[in-house]
Amino acid sequence: MENVLQENILCVQNDKQDFLVSATVYKARHLRKLNCDTFVMVSCNGKYKRTRIAYRTDNPYFNEYFSFSLHCSERKLCRKGIVFSLYRPSICTTMHSCIGEFHVDLNTVWEQENHAFLKKWAMFEPIGRASSNELHCGYLLIDLMITSSKAMSFPISLDNALDYDMIERNKLLPTYDANDEVLKVRFCFSVLKGSLLIAQNMLSVFRTQG
């Protein structure tokens, strides 16, 4: 019986279906750039959508909803991610300057109850060569949800007694101090050409750092 259940789970994970990744961008707080013009770019599966520009404020309010349609298997869905980027618009060119970004993989969202994060504060990480004391450059209040054509959906209710404006209590993902143990490490790299010796060296590096 267990083998049959495992085979059914694998079939569902490998079958293509329709997914809807939806994100609501509410507002940003505690931006390092004071009284500037900003907007948020949301990217998922090679598609980009952006909010309107909030002018001359370090606490912008957006309240905009975006959705991304994906037709793939559950296994491939969990390998994808979504990125929230904070930009300052450029007047002279189309090359907007990025203040910070927040990345989250869809597997993390899919494993949550009802496949959703609601009223959570995402922390923008600085781009480029940031100083050592600049750990973040602001927070963004978002909803993030995945719905599926094959998964049963349930009504979601918010806790009215909870103050969702409290950033420390409602962070999307936990952060760690320099002295804390890092629980998860993600390596992103592209292998163009290699040999057995290079592969053995890379394996030894991962073992020592893991």
C-alpha atoms as a PDB file:
ATOM      1  CA  MET A   1       0.000   0.000   0.000  1.00  0.00           C
ATOM      2  CA  GLU A   2       2.840   2.390   0.867  1.00  0.00           C
ATOM      3  CA  ASN A   3       4.510   1.675  -2.472  1.00  0.00           C
ATOM      4  CA  VAL A   4       1.296   2.554  -4.310  1.00  0.00           C
ATOM      5  CA  LEU A   5       1.016   5.847  -2.413  1.00  0.00           C
ATOM      6  CA  GLN A   6       4.631   6.717  -3.166  1.00  0.00           C
ATOM      7  CA  GLU A   7       4.112   5.979  -6.861  1.00  0.00           C
ATOM      8  CA  ASN A   8       1.016   8.199  -6.918  1.00  0.00           C
ATOM      9  CA  ILE A   9       2.938  11.043  -5.246  1.00  0.00           C
ATOM     10  CA  LEU A  10       5.745  10.733  -7.794  1.00  0.00           C
ATOM     11  CA  CYS A  11       3.238  10.767 -10.653  1.00  0.00           C
ATOM     12  CA  VAL A  12       1.638  13.966  -9.339  1.00  0.00           C
ATOM     13  CA  GLN A  13       5.043  15.599  -8.903  1.00  0.00           C
ATOM     14  CA  ASN A  14       6.083  14.735 -12.464  1.00  0.00           C
ATOM     15  CA  ASP A  15       2.793  15.524 -14.228  1.00  0.00           C
ATOM     16  CA  LYS A  16       2.482  18.974 -15.758  1.00  0.00           C
ATOM     17  CA  GLN A  17      -0.234  21.197 -14.344  1.00  0.00           C
ATOM     18  CA  ASP A  18      -1.185  24.868 -14.087  1.00  0.00           C
ATOM     19  CA  PHE A  19       0.231  26.911 -11.211  1.00  0.00           C
ATOM     20  CA  LEU A  20      -0.474  30.511 -10.279  1.00  0.00           C
ATOM     21  CA  VAL A  21       2.185  32.336  -8.281  1.00  0.00           C
ATOM     22  CA  SER A  22       0.621  35.477  -6.832  1.00  0.00           C
ATOM     23  CA  ALA A  23       2.310  38.252  -4.902  1.00  0.00           C
ATOM     24  CA  THR A  24       0.895  41.344  -3.222  1.00  0.00           C
ATOM     25  CA  VAL A  25       3.347  44.176  -2.568  1.00  0.00           C
ATOM     26  CA  TYR A  26       1.989  46.345   0.243  1.00  0.00           C
ATOM     27  CA  LYS A  27       4.623  48.773   1.499  1.00  0.00           C
ATOM     28  CA  ALA A  28       8.294  49.226   2.347  1.00  0.00           C
ATOM     29  CA  ARG A  29       9.816  50.470   5.583  1.00  0.00           C
ATOM     30  CA  HIS A  30      13.184  51.600   6.964  1.00  0.00           C
ATOM     31  CA  LEU A  31      14.846  52.185   3.611  1.00  0.00           C
ATOM     32  CA  ARG A  32      18.465  53.311   3.790  1.00  0.00           C
ATOM     33  CA  LYS A  33      17.890  55.802   0.976  1.00  0.00           C
ATOM     34  CA  LEU A  34      15.965  58.659   2.574  1.00  0.00           C
ATOM     35  CA  ASN A  35      13.236  60.598   0.773  1.00  0.00           C
ATOM     36  CA  CYS A  36      13.930  59.122  -2.660  1.00  0.00           C
ATOM     37  CA  ASP A  37      11.800  57.859  -5.543  1.00  0.00           C
ATOM     38  CA  THR A  38      11.454  54.046  -5.559  1.00  0.00           C
ATOM     39  CA  PHE A  39       9.528  51.207  -7.156  1.00  0.00           C
ATOM     40  CA  VAL A  40       9.511  47.424  -6.760  1.00  0.00           C
ATOM     41  CA  MET A  41      10.196  44.949  -9.569  1.00  0.00           C
ATOM     42  CA  VAL A  42       8.876  41.389  -9.166  1.00  0.00           C
ATOM     43  CA  SER A  43      10.365  38.698 -11.410  1.00  0.00           C
ATOM     44  CA  CYS A  44       9.427  35.033 -11.734  1.00  0.00           C
ATOM     45  CA  ASN A  45      10.020  32.451 -14.463  1.00  0.00           C
ATOM     46  CA  GLY A  46      11.622  35.011 -16.783  1.00  0.00           C
ATOM     47  CA  LYS A  47       8.751  37.527 -16.517  1.00  0.00           C
ATOM     48  CA  TYR A  48       8.964  40.967 -14.898  1.00  0.00           C
ATOM     49  CA  LYS A  49       6.287  43.164 -13.363  1.00  0.00           C
ATOM     50  CA  ARG A  50       6.674  46.413 -11.472  1.00  0.00           C
ATOM     51  CA  THR A  51       4.805  48.731  -9.173  1.00  0.00           C
ATOM     52  CA  ARG A  52       4.181  52.401  -9.745  1.00  0.00           C
ATOM     53  CA  ILE A  53       6.801  54.862  -8.509  1.00  0.00           C
ATOM     54  CA  ALA A  54       6.517  56.169  -4.964  1.00  0.00           C
ATOM     55  CA  TYR A  55       7.960  59.690  -4.871  1.00  0.00           C
ATOM     56  CA  ARG A  56      10.172  61.297  -2.232  1.00  0.00           C
ATOM     57  CA  THR A  57       9.674  58.927   0.699  1.00  0.00           C
ATOM     58  CA  ASP A  58      11.645  56.314   2.604  1.00  0.00           C
ATOM     59  CA  ASN A  59       8.413  54.527   3.627  1.00  0.00           C
ATOM     60  CA  PRO A  60       6.648  53.982   0.268  1.00  0.00           C
ATOM     61  CA  TYR A  61       3.159  52.489  -0.018  1.00  0.00           C
ATOM     62  CA  PHE A  62       2.286  50.422  -3.115  1.00  0.00           C
ATOM     63  CA  ASN A  63      -0.589  47.961  -2.446  1.00  0.00           C
ATOM     64  CA  GLU A  64      -0.325  46.227  -5.837  1.00  0.00           C
ATOM     65  CA  TYR A  65      -1.060  42.636  -6.878  1.00  0.00           C
ATOM     66  CA  PHE A  66       0.862  40.564  -9.426  1.00  0.00           C
ATOM     67  CA  SER A  67       0.432  37.027 -10.744  1.00  0.00           C
ATOM     68  CA  PHE A  68       2.581  34.661 -12.787  1.00  0.00           C
ATOM     69  CA  SER A  69       1.172  31.624 -14.626  1.00  0.00           C
ATOM     70  CA  LEU A  70       3.344  28.527 -14.903  1.00  0.00           C
ATOM     71  CA  HIS A  71       2.610  25.273 -16.715  1.00  0.00           C
ATOM     72  CA  CYS A  72       5.063  22.688 -15.430  1.00  0.00           C
ATOM     73  CA  SER A  73       5.439  19.787 -13.044  1.00  0.00           C
ATOM     74  CA  GLU A  74       5.531  20.238  -9.287  1.00  0.00           C
ATOM     75  CA  ARG A  75       9.148  19.108  -9.289  1.00  0.00           C
ATOM     76  CA  LYS A  76      10.160  21.839 -11.760  1.00  0.00           C
ATOM     77  CA  LEU A  77       8.076  24.432  -9.937  1.00  0.00           C
ATOM     78  CA  CYS A  78      10.044  23.847  -6.746  1.00  0.00           C
ATOM     79  CA  ARG A  79      13.286  24.541  -8.605  1.00  0.00           C
ATOM     80  CA  LYS A  80      12.178  28.038  -9.571  1.00  0.00           C
ATOM     81  CA  GLY A  81      12.248  31.220  -7.548  1.00  0.00           C
ATOM     82  CA  ILE A  82      10.811  34.700  -7.274  1.00  0.00           C
ATOM     83  CA  VAL A  83      12.750  37.934  -6.783  1.00  0.00           C
ATOM     84  CA  PHE A  84      11.632  41.253  -5.290  1.00  0.00           C
ATOM     85  CA  SER A  85      13.937  44.114  -6.283  1.00  0.00           C
ATOM     86  CA  LEU A  86      13.870  47.699  -5.030  1.00  0.00           C
ATOM     87  CA  TYR A  87      14.867  50.291  -7.638  1.00  0.00           C
ATOM     88  CA  ARG A  88      15.460  54.012  -7.923  1.00  0.00           C
ATOM     89  CA  PRO A  89      14.187  55.253 -11.303  1.00  0.00           C
ATOM     90  CA  SER A  90      16.667  56.911 -13.609  1.00  0.00           C
ATOM     91  CA  ILE A  91      15.571  60.056 -15.449  1.00  0.00           C
ATOM     92  CA  CYS A  92      18.206  60.067 -18.183  1.00  0.00           C
ATOM     93  CA  THR A  93      18.363  56.363 -19.084  1.00  0.00           C
ATOM     94  CA  THR A  94      16.362  53.176 -18.770  1.00  0.00           C
ATOM     95  CA  MET A  95      19.068  51.657 -16.549  1.00  0.00           C
ATOM     96  CA  HIS A  96      17.448  51.976 -13.126  1.00  0.00           C
ATOM     97  CA  SER A  97      19.701  51.648 -10.073  1.00  0.00           C
ATOM     98  CA  CYS A  98      18.934  48.663  -7.840  1.00  0.00           C
ATOM     99  CA  ILE A  99      19.029  49.388  -4.114  1.00  0.00           C
ATOM    100  CA  GLY A 100      18.389  45.864  -2.844  1.00  0.00           C
ATOM    101  CA  GLU A 101      16.902  42.462  -3.618  1.00  0.00           C
ATOM    102  CA  PHE A 102      15.122  39.624  -1.878  1.00  0.00           C
ATOM    103  CA  HIS A 103      15.132  36.092  -3.307  1.00  0.00           C
ATOM    104  CA  VAL A 104      12.897  33.208  -2.215  1.00  0.00           C
ATOM    105  CA  ASP A 105      12.620  29.801  -3.862  1.00  0.00           C
ATOM    106  CA  LEU A 106       9.147  28.534  -4.684  1.00  0.00           C
ATOM    107  CA  ASN A 107       9.832  25.271  -2.893  1.00  0.00           C
ATOM    108  CA  THR A 108       9.871  27.205   0.398  1.00  0.00           C
ATOM    109  CA  VAL A 109       6.482  28.733  -0.415  1.00  0.00           C
ATOM    110  CA  TRP A 110       5.027  25.415  -1.587  1.00  0.00           C
ATOM    111  CA  GLU A 111       5.956  23.704   1.698  1.00  0.00           C
ATOM    112  CA  GLN A 112       4.042  26.256   3.796  1.00  0.00           C
ATOM    113  CA  GLU A 113       0.517  25.691   5.075  1.00  0.00           C
ATOM    114  CA  ASN A 114      -1.884  26.521   2.217  1.00  0.00           C
ATOM    115  CA  HIS A 115       1.251  27.148   0.096  1.00  0.00           C
ATOM    116  CA  ALA A 116       1.338  30.770   1.230  1.00  0.00           C
ATOM    117  CA  PHE A 117       3.126  33.457   3.214  1.00  0.00           C
ATOM    118  CA  LEU A 118       0.721  36.167   4.391  1.00  0.00           C
ATOM    119  CA  LYS A 119       1.636  39.619   5.679  1.00  0.00           C
ATOM    120  CA  LYS A 120       5.333  38.871   5.972  1.00  0.00           C
ATOM    121  CA  TRP A 121       8.240  41.316   5.891  1.00  0.00           C
ATOM    122  CA  ALA A 122      10.931  40.473   3.335  1.00  0.00           C
ATOM    123  CA  MET A 123      14.366  41.951   3.980  1.00  0.00           C
ATOM    124  CA  PHE A 124      16.137  43.665   1.084  1.00  0.00           C
ATOM    125  CA  GLU A 125      19.805  42.720   0.835  1.00  0.00           C
ATOM    126  CA  PRO A 126      22.193  45.342  -0.600  1.00  0.00           C
ATOM    127  CA  ILE A 127      23.524  44.905  -4.122  1.00  0.00           C
ATOM    128  CA  GLY A 128      27.184  45.041  -5.051  1.00  0.00           C
ATOM    129  CA  ARG A 129      29.986  45.918  -2.676  1.00  0.00           C
ATOM    130  CA  ALA A 130      28.149  46.829   0.486  1.00  0.00           C
ATOM    131  CA  SER A 131      29.941  47.790   3.668  1.00  0.00           C
ATOM    132  CA  SER A 132      30.222  45.142   6.366  1.00  0.00           C
ATOM    133  CA  ASN A 133      27.803  46.954   8.718  1.00  0.00           C
ATOM    134  CA  GLU A 134      25.127  47.328   6.006  1.00  0.00           C
ATOM    135  CA  LEU A 135      23.301  44.027   6.479  1.00  0.00           C
ATOM    136  CA  HIS A 136      20.067  45.174   4.840  1.00  0.00           C
ATOM    137  CA  CYS A 137      18.582  48.218   3.158  1.00  0.00           C
ATOM    138  CA  GLY A 138      14.930  48.005   4.134  1.00  0.00           C
ATOM    139  CA  TYR A 139      11.893  45.739   4.460  1.00  0.00           C
ATOM    140  CA  LEU A 140       8.945  44.956   2.188  1.00  0.00           C
ATOM    141  CA  LEU A 141       5.542  43.745   3.390  1.00  0.00           C
ATOM    142  CA  ILE A 142       4.190  41.102   0.986  1.00  0.00           C
ATOM    143  CA  ASP A 143       1.786  38.216   0.473  1.00  0.00           C
ATOM    144  CA  LEU A 144       3.145  35.277  -1.502  1.00  0.00           C
ATOM    145  CA  MET A 145       0.967  32.335  -2.553  1.00  0.00           C
ATOM    146  CA  ILE A 146       0.957  29.397  -4.965  1.00  0.00           C
ATOM    147  CA  THR A 147      -2.283  27.803  -6.166  1.00  0.00           C
ATOM    148  CA  SER A 148      -2.538  24.667  -8.273  1.00  0.00           C
ATOM    149  CA  SER A 149      -5.128  23.205 -10.598  1.00  0.00           C
ATOM    150  CA  LYS A 150      -4.747  19.799  -8.912  1.00  0.00           C
ATOM    151  CA  ALA A 151      -4.267  20.756  -5.261  1.00  0.00           C
ATOM    152  CA  MET A 152      -7.255  21.402  -3.029  1.00  0.00           C
ATOM    153  CA  SER A 153      -7.396  24.975  -1.738  1.00  0.00           C
ATOM    154  CA  PHE A 154      -8.711  26.005   1.686  1.00  0.00           C
ATOM    155  CA  PRO A 155      -9.937  29.388   2.930  1.00  0.00           C
ATOM    156  CA  ILE A 156      -7.208  31.445   4.580  1.00  0.00           C
ATOM    157  CA  SER A 157      -7.948  33.668   7.555  1.00  0.00           C
ATOM    158  CA  LEU A 158      -5.653  36.175   9.235  1.00  0.00           C
ATOM    159  CA  ASP A 159      -5.234  36.524  12.967  1.00  0.00           C
ATOM    160  CA  ASN A 160      -6.850  39.849  13.822  1.00  0.00           C
ATOM    161  CA  ALA A 161      -5.067  39.912  17.171  1.00  0.00           C
ATOM    162  CA  LEU A 162      -1.655  39.889  15.514  1.00  0.00           C
ATOM    163  CA  ASP A 163       0.011  43.205  14.686  1.00  0.00           C
ATOM    164  CA  TYR A 164       1.400  42.606  11.201  1.00  0.00           C
ATOM    165  CA  ASP A 165       3.284  45.915  11.213  1.00  0.00           C
ATOM    166  CA  MET A 166       5.700  44.458  13.777  1.00  0.00           C
ATOM    167  CA  ILE A 167       8.629  43.613  11.519  1.00  0.00           C
ATOM    168  CA  GLU A 168      10.609  41.500  13.982  1.00  0.00           C
ATOM    169  CA  ARG A 169       7.635  39.212  14.661  1.00  0.00           C
ATOM    170  CA  ASN A 170       6.577  38.819  11.028  1.00  0.00           C
ATOM    171  CA  LYS A 171       9.759  38.368   9.005  1.00  0.00           C
ATOM    172  CA  LEU A 172       9.418  36.176   5.956  1.00  0.00           C
ATOM    173  CA  LEU A 173      12.638  34.297   6.658  1.00  0.00           C
ATOM    174  CA  PRO A 174      14.790  34.304   9.816  1.00  0.00           C
ATOM    175  CA  THR A 175      18.087  36.158   9.820  1.00  0.00           C
ATOM    176  CA  TYR A 176      21.196  35.147  11.719  1.00  0.00           C
ATOM    177  CA  ASP A 177      23.856  37.132  13.511  1.00  0.00           C
ATOM    178  CA  ALA A 178      27.501  36.685  12.684  1.00  0.00           C
ATOM    179  CA  ASN A 179      28.019  34.363  15.672  1.00  0.00           C
ATOM    180  CA  ASP A 180      24.989  32.183  14.960  1.00  0.00           C
ATOM    181  CA  GLU A 181      25.229  28.919  13.084  1.00  0.00           C
ATOM    182  CA  VAL A 182      24.116  29.166   9.474  1.00  0.00           C
ATOM    183  CA  LEU A 183      21.625  26.385   8.809  1.00  0.00           C
ATOM    184  CA  LYS A 184      21.285  26.615   5.035  1.00  0.00           C
ATOM    185  CA  VAL A 185      23.796  27.455   2.333  1.00  0.00           C
ATOM    186  CA  ARG A 186      22.968  27.748  -1.367  1.00  0.00           C
ATOM    187  CA  PHE A 187      25.688  27.643  -4.028  1.00  0.00           C
ATOM    188  CA  CYS A 188      24.878  28.989  -7.497  1.00  0.00           C
ATOM    189  CA  PHE A 189      27.363  28.267 -10.276  1.00  0.00           C
ATOM    190  CA  SER A 190      27.572  27.196 -13.904  1.00  0.00           C
ATOM    191  CA  VAL A 191      29.853  24.380 -15.082  1.00  0.00           C
ATOM    192  CA  LEU A 192      30.910  24.874 -18.700  1.00  0.00           C
ATOM    193  CA  LYS A 193      33.708  22.355 -18.911  1.00  0.00           C
ATOM    194  CA  GLY A 194      35.458  20.176 -16.412  1.00  0.00           C
ATOM    195  CA  SER A 195      37.375  17.059 -15.654  1.00  0.00           C
ATOM    196  CA  LEU A 196      37.444  14.384 -12.990  1.00  0.00           C
ATOM    197  CA  LEU A 197      40.160  16.234 -11.052  1.00  0.00           C
ATOM    198  CA  ILE A 198      38.118  19.478 -10.963  1.00  0.00           C
ATOM    199  CA  ALA A 199      35.012  17.622  -9.843  1.00  0.00           C
ATOM    200  CA  GLN A 200      36.937  15.957  -6.998  1.00  0.00           C
ATOM    201  CA  ASN A 201      38.319  19.332  -5.865  1.00  0.00           C
ATOM    202  CA  MET A 202      34.839  20.921  -5.886  1.00  0.00           C
ATOM    203  CA  LEU A 203      33.465  18.007  -3.891  1.00  0.00           C
ATOM    204  CA  SER A 204      36.165  18.409  -1.250  1.00  0.00           C
ATOM    205  CA  VAL A 205      35.416  22.149  -0.957  1.00  0.00           C
ATOM    206  CA  PHE A 206      31.698  21.507  -0.390  1.00  0.00           C
ATOM    207  CA  ARG A 207      32.477  18.863   2.251  1.00  0.00           C
ATOM    208  CA  THR A 208      34.781  21.193   4.180  1.00  0.00           C
ATOM    209  CA  GLN A 209      32.328  24.111   4.028  1.00  0.00           C
ATOM    210  CA  GLY A 210      29.231  22.035   4.755  1.00  0.00           C
END
